[in-house]
Amino acid sequence: MKTSMFIVAVQVVLRQFLVTNACTEFRVTSKDNSVIIGRSQEFKLDLKSDLVVEPAGFIHQAFPPKPGCPVSSGMTWNNSYRIAYLNALNLTVASDGLNEAGLSVGSLLFPGFAKFQDIPIDRCDNTISSLQFPLWILGKFGTVRELREALKEDSFPLVWGPEVPVLKEISEQHFSIYDATGDGIVIEYTEQGRKVYNNTLGVVTNSPPYDFHLTNMRNYIELSKFAHDPLKLGKMEFSPIGQGSGLLGVPGDFTPPSRFVRTAAMVHFADEVETGEDAVMLGFHVLNTVDIPRGVCAPNPTVWKKEKGSADYSQWVVVKDLTTKSIYFRVYDNLAIRVVHLSNVKSAEKVKMSLSMPVVRFVDVTDKLSSATNTKTHDEF
């Protein structure tokens, strides 16, 4: 009875929340042990993201804590590392980023399940907003192991969630962290408290909680990169129609459970690549399988009438090379891939660039056409 009630509850939540909020993240490792992290950012509101680089030593002030705490309370911290991140709405927050030690942090939307911590009055000076939590991690830790150890301490900051409507919607997140060794964890705050999962599979999407997605993978145990054998029914035999039959049944919709399964299949079935640059290109190919054009992932029509333009779409994608400390990105309106190498940023101050900065969309190669008179004829093959 409890199991059936749980399934019904999950189905209700899926219908209510999961038609939108569609972030996807994954890890790829190449033969030369390069580790790359690919991630897409979907949202209905234009986040107007910038790519920001901060130096080591940069000082941060936490947002004012929740009501009940003195206005003057709240954390301050200095970056222990140079960091690069993508912000949102011109706020000092990190939707995604990495630091010069090779630590990657992604905040992925977690609607319907995120519940952050209550803040006792005597802990007001050791709290941080869920929106700034990734920024703090990027500035303070170099490895997942360090973060795991810190999470065990009573002094670890309490995380609270903003209540302002727009900020509340983007602050309902869970957090995916990897380092340059490929080690990874997922941190979630829910009604059951804080949970930390080892991310061995290397895939994260959105709601429901991470352990649900791992259980759901068991519904797809027949997926394979190899074509299926013919089906024999009595004296008849039915061969697969074309290649790809091993992936029959892979979900193609944009709900988080479906993107989780599809991405896991793409990452783990793809041929292993040789180098970090090869892994970066593989990352962009995998991201193509979860790309959402404007308008195809819309809420219920009755809501659509009230909230014109409220459909999620893929605003930007990033691929981070944790070995070279490089962040590659492209945006919805321009598929040209750009890159910032963190080790080459020498500025001693905080710097940024808009992701929508002008760049060539299409490369005109008309003048590259050359004579084809020496092309082989049919008889020469």
Protein backbone atom coordinates (compact mmCIF):
# COMPACT_ATOMS: atom_id res chain seq x y z
CA MET A 1 0.00 0.00 0.00
CA LYS A 2 2.78 2.44 0.92
CA THR A 3 4.57 1.71 -2.37
CA SER A 4 1.46 2.39 -4.47
CA MET A 5 0.77 5.61 -2.57
CA PHE A 6 4.37 6.71 -3.22
CA ILE A 7 4.01 6.02 -6.97
CA VAL A 8 0.76 8.02 -7.13
CA ALA A 9 2.39 10.91 -5.27
CA VAL A 10 5.34 10.94 -7.66
CA GLN A 11 3.01 10.91 -10.67
CA VAL A 12 1.12 13.91 -9.29
CA VAL A 13 4.35 15.81 -8.77
CA LEU A 14 5.57 14.90 -12.26
CA ARG A 15 2.39 16.29 -13.83
CA GLN A 16 2.50 19.46 -11.76
CA PHE A 17 6.15 20.40 -11.87
CA LEU A 18 8.16 18.49 -14.42
CA VAL A 19 6.80 19.91 -17.67
CA THR A 20 9.40 22.65 -17.16
CA ASN A 21 12.65 23.22 -15.26
CA ALA A 22 14.77 21.01 -17.48
CA CYS A 23 18.48 21.10 -16.62
CA THR A 24 20.75 18.16 -17.54
CA GLU A 25 24.32 17.42 -16.41
CA PHE A 26 26.76 14.56 -17.03
CA ARG A 27 30.41 13.50 -16.75
CA VAL A 28 32.66 12.13 -19.50
CA THR A 29 36.20 10.80 -18.97
CA SER A 30 38.66 10.29 -21.83
CA LYS A 31 41.44 7.71 -22.19
CA ASP A 32 44.05 10.29 -21.12
CA ASN A 33 42.04 10.73 -17.86
CA SER A 34 40.66 14.14 -18.74
CA VAL A 35 37.38 14.81 -16.95
CA ILE A 36 34.72 16.98 -18.57
CA ILE A 37 31.29 18.00 -17.30
CA GLY A 38 28.49 18.91 -19.72
CA ARG A 39 25.44 20.86 -18.59
CA SER A 40 22.39 22.51 -20.16
CA GLN A 41 20.45 25.39 -18.60
CA GLU A 42 16.73 25.57 -19.34
CA PHE A 43 14.32 28.11 -17.91
CA LYS A 44 11.27 30.07 -19.07
CA LEU A 45 12.59 33.49 -17.98
CA ASP A 46 15.63 34.87 -19.78
CA LEU A 47 18.33 34.62 -17.11
CA LYS A 48 20.58 37.11 -18.97
CA SER A 49 23.62 35.18 -17.82
CA ASP A 50 27.16 36.53 -17.81
CA LEU A 51 30.37 34.53 -17.56
CA VAL A 52 32.17 35.90 -14.50
CA VAL A 53 35.76 35.33 -13.33
CA GLU A 54 36.82 36.19 -9.78
CA PRO A 55 40.39 36.10 -8.43
CA ALA A 56 41.57 34.19 -5.38
CA GLY A 57 41.11 36.38 -2.32
CA PHE A 58 37.94 38.04 -3.63
CA ILE A 59 35.66 38.85 -0.68
CA HIS A 60 31.99 37.82 -0.65
CA GLN A 61 29.16 38.93 1.59
CA ALA A 62 26.24 36.55 1.99
CA PHE A 63 22.75 37.79 1.22
CA PRO A 64 20.88 39.01 4.33
CA PRO A 65 19.68 35.93 6.24
CA LYS A 66 16.10 34.86 6.69
CA PRO A 67 13.61 36.98 8.69
CA GLY A 68 14.29 36.73 12.40
CA CYS A 69 18.06 37.05 12.00
CA PRO A 70 19.76 40.40 12.64
CA VAL A 71 20.30 42.32 9.41
CA SER A 72 23.98 42.69 10.25
CA SER A 73 24.47 38.91 10.54
CA GLY A 74 25.48 36.61 7.71
CA MET A 75 28.62 35.01 6.37
CA THR A 76 31.55 36.61 4.65
CA TRP A 77 34.24 34.59 2.92
CA ASN A 78 37.30 34.97 0.72
CA ASN A 79 37.85 32.88 -2.39
CA SER A 80 40.66 30.41 -1.85
CA TYR A 81 40.76 29.85 -5.63
CA ARG A 82 40.21 31.75 -8.85
CA ILE A 83 36.73 30.82 -10.05
CA ALA A 84 34.69 31.12 -13.25
CA TYR A 85 30.91 30.85 -13.24
CA LEU A 86 27.70 31.70 -15.09
CA ASN A 87 25.40 33.97 -13.12
CA ALA A 88 21.68 34.77 -13.44
CA LEU A 89 19.67 38.00 -13.44
CA ASN A 90 22.82 40.03 -12.72
CA LEU A 91 22.99 38.52 -9.23
CA THR A 92 26.18 37.38 -7.56
CA VAL A 93 25.20 33.72 -7.83
CA ALA A 94 26.69 30.76 -9.68
CA SER A 95 24.30 28.68 -11.76
CA ASP A 96 27.30 26.68 -12.91
CA GLY A 97 31.05 27.02 -12.69
CA LEU A 98 34.51 25.67 -11.91
CA ASN A 99 37.62 26.78 -10.04
CA GLU A 100 41.33 26.64 -10.76
CA ALA A 101 41.68 23.45 -8.69
CA GLY A 102 39.35 21.68 -11.12
CA LEU A 103 36.25 21.60 -8.90
CA SER A 104 32.92 21.85 -10.76
CA VAL A 105 29.61 22.92 -9.21
CA GLY A 106 26.21 22.91 -10.91
CA SER A 107 22.94 24.07 -9.36
CA LEU A 108 20.03 22.31 -11.06
CA LEU A 109 16.38 23.13 -10.49
CA PHE A 110 14.66 20.85 -7.98
CA PRO A 111 11.02 22.06 -7.85
CA GLY A 112 8.48 20.44 -5.57
CA PHE A 113 11.11 18.74 -3.41
CA ALA A 114 13.61 21.36 -2.27
CA LYS A 115 13.18 22.32 1.38
CA PHE A 116 16.04 24.15 2.99
CA GLN A 117 17.04 24.40 6.61
CA ASP A 118 15.47 26.27 9.50
CA ILE A 119 17.81 28.87 10.95
CA PRO A 120 18.08 29.07 14.78
CA ILE A 121 18.73 32.60 16.01
CA ASP A 122 22.13 31.55 17.38
CA ARG A 123 23.27 30.34 13.92
CA CYS A 124 22.40 33.47 11.94
CA ASP A 125 26.06 34.30 11.38
CA ASN A 126 26.74 30.91 9.80
CA THR A 127 24.08 30.74 7.09
CA ILE A 128 24.02 31.06 3.34
CA SER A 129 21.27 31.31 0.73
CA SER A 130 20.73 28.36 -1.58
CA LEU A 131 21.42 30.80 -4.42
CA GLN A 132 24.95 31.53 -3.11
CA PHE A 133 25.75 28.03 -1.86
CA PRO A 134 27.44 26.97 -5.17
CA LEU A 135 29.50 30.19 -5.18
CA TRP A 136 30.73 29.46 -1.65
CA ILE A 137 31.68 25.86 -2.57
CA LEU A 138 33.62 27.04 -5.65
CA GLY A 139 35.54 29.55 -3.57
CA LYS A 140 36.40 27.28 -0.65
CA PHE A 141 37.04 23.72 -1.87
CA GLY A 142 39.47 22.07 -4.27
CA THR A 143 38.23 18.46 -4.15
CA VAL A 144 35.05 16.54 -3.50
CA ARG A 145 36.83 14.73 -0.69
CA GLU A 146 37.42 18.04 1.13
CA LEU A 147 33.75 18.93 0.76
CA ARG A 148 32.63 15.50 2.00
CA GLU A 149 34.70 15.96 5.14
CA ALA A 150 33.37 19.49 5.70
CA LEU A 151 29.78 18.27 5.40
CA LYS A 152 30.36 16.06 8.44
CA GLU A 153 31.23 19.04 10.65
CA ASP A 154 28.66 20.74 12.88
CA SER A 155 30.14 24.06 11.75
CA PHE A 156 29.04 23.53 8.13
CA PRO A 157 26.84 26.50 7.12
CA LEU A 158 23.07 26.18 7.25
CA VAL A 159 21.38 26.70 3.86
CA TRP A 160 18.15 28.69 3.59
CA GLY A 161 15.85 29.39 0.64
CA PRO A 162 14.61 32.85 -0.43
CA GLU A 163 10.86 33.47 -0.23
CA VAL A 164 10.63 36.31 -2.79
CA PRO A 165 8.53 34.75 -5.64
CA VAL A 166 10.98 35.12 -8.56
CA LEU A 167 14.01 34.21 -6.44
CA LYS A 168 12.15 31.35 -4.79
CA GLU A 169 11.52 29.74 -8.17
CA ILE A 170 15.17 29.78 -9.20
CA SER A 171 16.43 28.94 -5.69
CA GLU A 172 14.70 25.53 -5.49
CA GLN A 173 17.82 23.63 -6.44
CA HIS A 174 19.93 20.62 -5.75
CA PHE A 175 23.68 20.66 -6.25
CA SER A 176 26.07 18.51 -8.28
CA ILE A 177 29.80 18.66 -7.53
CA TYR A 178 32.72 16.94 -9.30
CA ASP A 179 36.49 17.33 -9.14
CA ALA A 180 39.36 16.74 -11.55
CA THR A 181 39.65 13.07 -10.51
CA GLY A 182 36.06 12.42 -11.63
CA ASP A 183 34.80 11.99 -8.05
CA GLY A 184 31.28 13.38 -7.69
CA ILE A 185 28.46 13.95 -5.20
CA VAL A 186 24.91 15.30 -5.26
CA ILE A 187 23.66 17.40 -2.31
CA GLU A 188 19.91 17.70 -1.75
CA TYR A 189 17.86 19.49 0.90
CA THR A 190 14.36 18.02 1.28
CA GLU A 191 11.69 17.35 3.90
CA GLN A 192 13.89 14.45 5.02
CA GLY A 193 16.81 16.82 5.70
CA ARG A 194 20.14 17.09 3.90
CA LYS A 195 21.25 14.08 1.88
CA VAL A 196 24.55 13.52 0.11
CA TYR A 197 24.75 10.92 -2.67
CA ASN A 198 27.88 9.57 -4.33
CA ASN A 199 27.41 10.23 -8.04
CA THR A 200 28.97 7.11 -9.53
CA LEU A 201 26.78 7.11 -12.66
CA GLY A 202 27.75 10.67 -13.55
CA VAL A 203 24.30 12.00 -14.55
CA VAL A 204 21.99 14.53 -12.85
CA THR A 205 18.73 16.15 -13.97
CA ASN A 206 15.92 17.62 -11.83
CA SER A 207 13.06 16.36 -9.64
CA PRO A 208 12.34 13.86 -8.12
CA PRO A 209 15.29 13.24 -5.74
CA TYR A 210 18.45 11.61 -7.04
CA ASP A 211 17.76 8.16 -5.54
CA PHE A 212 14.46 8.00 -7.48
CA HIS A 213 16.36 8.37 -10.76
CA LEU A 214 18.71 5.53 -9.89
CA THR A 215 15.76 3.27 -9.07
CA ASN A 216 13.99 4.32 -12.27
CA MET A 217 16.99 3.18 -14.33
CA ARG A 218 15.96 -0.39 -13.51
CA ASN A 219 12.97 0.08 -15.85
CA TYR A 220 15.40 0.29 -18.78
CA ILE A 221 17.76 -2.63 -18.21
CA GLU A 222 17.26 -3.93 -21.78
CA LEU A 223 18.73 -0.82 -23.39
CA SER A 224 21.88 -1.56 -25.35
CA LYS A 225 24.27 0.10 -27.79
CA PHE A 226 24.06 -3.06 -29.90
CA ALA A 227 21.24 -4.02 -32.27
CA HIS A 228 18.79 -6.63 -31.03
CA ASP A 229 18.64 -10.11 -32.51
CA PRO A 230 15.65 -10.86 -34.76
CA LEU A 231 12.41 -11.70 -32.97
CA LYS A 232 11.23 -15.24 -33.68
CA LEU A 233 7.50 -15.99 -33.44
CA GLY A 234 6.70 -19.51 -34.56
CA LYS A 235 7.98 -19.90 -38.10
CA MET A 236 8.29 -16.17 -38.66
CA GLU A 237 11.32 -14.00 -37.94
CA PHE A 238 11.26 -10.22 -37.58
CA SER A 239 14.56 -8.40 -38.06
CA PRO A 240 15.16 -4.89 -36.72
CA ILE A 241 14.32 -2.06 -39.11
CA GLY A 242 17.61 -0.24 -39.51
CA GLN A 243 20.24 0.41 -36.86
CA GLY A 244 19.46 1.57 -33.34
CA SER A 245 17.17 -1.23 -32.17
CA GLY A 246 19.18 -1.57 -28.97
CA LEU A 247 17.77 1.78 -27.91
CA LEU A 248 14.14 0.84 -28.51
CA GLY A 249 12.25 2.14 -25.51
CA VAL A 250 14.65 4.93 -24.57
CA PRO A 251 12.38 7.84 -23.51
CA GLY A 252 12.39 10.81 -25.84
CA ASP A 253 10.40 13.40 -23.86
CA PHE A 254 11.88 16.24 -21.81
CA THR A 255 10.79 15.28 -18.29
CA PRO A 256 13.72 14.92 -15.87
CA PRO A 257 13.41 11.11 -15.46
CA SER A 258 13.41 10.66 -19.24
CA ARG A 259 16.36 12.98 -19.78
CA PHE A 260 18.23 11.16 -17.01
CA VAL A 261 17.78 7.78 -18.73
CA ARG A 262 18.51 9.12 -22.21
CA THR A 263 21.63 10.97 -21.10
CA ALA A 264 22.96 7.99 -19.15
CA ALA A 265 22.55 5.84 -22.28
CA MET A 266 24.27 8.40 -24.54
CA VAL A 267 27.23 8.91 -22.19
CA HIS A 268 27.86 5.28 -21.36
CA PHE A 269 27.15 3.81 -24.82
CA ALA A 270 29.28 6.31 -26.75
CA ASP A 271 32.74 5.16 -27.82
CA GLU A 272 35.47 6.10 -25.36
CA VAL A 273 37.39 9.12 -26.61
CA GLU A 274 41.14 9.68 -26.63
CA THR A 275 41.71 13.21 -25.34
CA GLY A 276 40.09 16.00 -23.36
CA GLU A 277 39.28 17.91 -26.54
CA ASP A 278 37.59 14.79 -27.92
CA ALA A 279 35.62 14.53 -24.68
CA VAL A 280 34.52 18.17 -25.01
CA MET A 281 33.15 17.47 -28.50
CA LEU A 282 31.39 14.33 -27.24
CA GLY A 283 29.88 16.46 -24.49
CA PHE A 284 28.33 18.84 -27.01
CA HIS A 285 26.94 15.91 -29.00
CA VAL A 286 25.29 14.50 -25.87
CA LEU A 287 23.88 17.93 -25.07
CA ASN A 288 22.25 17.94 -28.52
CA THR A 289 20.04 15.05 -27.37
CA VAL A 290 18.42 17.17 -24.62
CA ASP A 291 18.30 20.51 -26.46
CA ILE A 292 14.86 22.15 -26.11
CA PRO A 293 13.73 24.61 -28.81
CA ARG A 294 11.51 27.49 -27.71
CA GLY A 295 7.85 26.54 -27.45
CA VAL A 296 8.01 22.73 -27.44
CA CYS A 297 8.13 22.33 -23.65
CA ALA A 298 5.16 24.45 -22.57
CA PRO A 299 2.89 24.33 -19.50
CA ASN A 300 -0.81 23.57 -19.55
CA PRO A 301 -2.66 25.80 -22.11
CA THR A 302 -4.75 27.44 -19.38
CA VAL A 303 -1.54 28.57 -17.71
CA TRP A 304 0.02 29.47 -21.06
CA LYS A 305 -2.70 32.08 -21.67
CA LYS A 306 -1.86 33.77 -18.39
CA GLU A 307 1.91 33.51 -18.73
CA LYS A 308 2.80 34.18 -22.34
CA GLY A 309 6.33 33.05 -23.10
CA SER A 310 6.47 30.72 -20.12
CA ALA A 311 7.90 27.70 -21.94
CA ASP A 312 11.33 26.42 -20.95
CA TYR A 313 14.06 26.41 -23.58
CA SER A 314 17.81 25.71 -23.66
CA GLN A 315 19.25 29.15 -22.89
CA TRP A 316 22.87 28.01 -22.76
CA VAL A 317 25.02 24.93 -22.45
CA VAL A 318 28.49 24.56 -20.99
CA VAL A 319 31.17 21.89 -21.19
CA LYS A 320 33.87 22.23 -18.53
CA ASP A 321 37.26 20.56 -18.87
CA LEU A 322 38.30 20.01 -15.25
CA THR A 323 41.78 18.97 -16.31
CA THR A 324 42.69 22.11 -18.28
CA LYS A 325 40.31 24.30 -16.20
CA SER A 326 38.50 25.51 -19.33
CA ILE A 327 34.84 26.38 -19.79
CA TYR A 328 33.28 26.03 -23.25
CA PHE A 329 29.83 27.45 -23.93
CA ARG A 330 27.22 28.23 -26.56
CA VAL A 331 23.85 30.02 -26.37
CA TYR A 332 20.41 29.47 -27.87
CA ASP A 333 20.70 32.15 -30.57
CA ASN A 334 24.24 31.23 -31.60
CA LEU A 335 25.60 27.68 -31.78
CA ALA A 336 29.22 28.81 -32.16
CA ILE A 337 31.29 27.26 -29.36
CA ARG A 338 33.39 29.71 -27.36
CA VAL A 339 35.91 28.97 -24.62
CA VAL A 340 37.56 30.70 -21.66
CA HIS A 341 40.73 29.12 -20.28
CA LEU A 342 40.79 29.98 -16.59
CA SER A 343 44.58 29.62 -16.39
CA ASN A 344 44.96 32.38 -19.01
CA VAL A 345 42.89 34.94 -17.07
CA LYS A 346 45.48 37.18 -15.44
CA SER A 347 43.27 39.98 -14.13
CA ALA A 348 43.59 40.68 -10.42
CA GLU A 349 40.03 41.98 -10.32
CA LYS A 350 36.60 40.54 -10.98
CA VAL A 351 35.80 40.49 -14.72
CA LYS A 352 32.86 39.33 -16.81
CA MET A 353 31.40 39.02 -20.30
CA SER A 354 27.83 38.66 -21.52
CA LEU A 355 27.03 35.28 -23.02
CA SER A 356 25.09 37.14 -25.71
CA MET A 357 28.12 39.19 -26.81
CA PRO A 358 28.30 39.48 -30.64
CA VAL A 359 30.04 36.62 -32.41
CA VAL A 360 29.88 35.21 -35.94
CA ARG A 361 26.86 32.91 -36.29
CA PHE A 362 27.67 31.36 -39.64
CA VAL A 363 31.00 30.95 -41.45
CA ASP A 364 30.66 31.67 -45.16
CA VAL A 365 32.79 29.08 -47.02
CA THR A 366 31.41 29.70 -50.50
CA ASP A 367 34.87 30.71 -51.73
CA LYS A 368 36.33 27.40 -50.55
CA LEU A 369 34.64 25.45 -53.36
CA SER A 370 37.20 23.95 -55.76
CA SER A 371 37.29 21.99 -58.99
CA ALA A 372 35.69 18.54 -58.90
CA THR A 373 36.61 17.45 -62.42
CA ASN A 374 38.78 14.65 -61.05
CA THR A 375 35.91 13.02 -59.15
CA LYS A 376 35.71 9.25 -59.70
CA THR A 377 33.00 7.95 -61.96
CA HIS A 378 30.62 5.12 -61.06
CA ASP A 379 32.62 2.62 -63.12
CA GLU A 380 35.85 3.39 -61.24
CA PHE A 381 34.52 2.08 -57.92
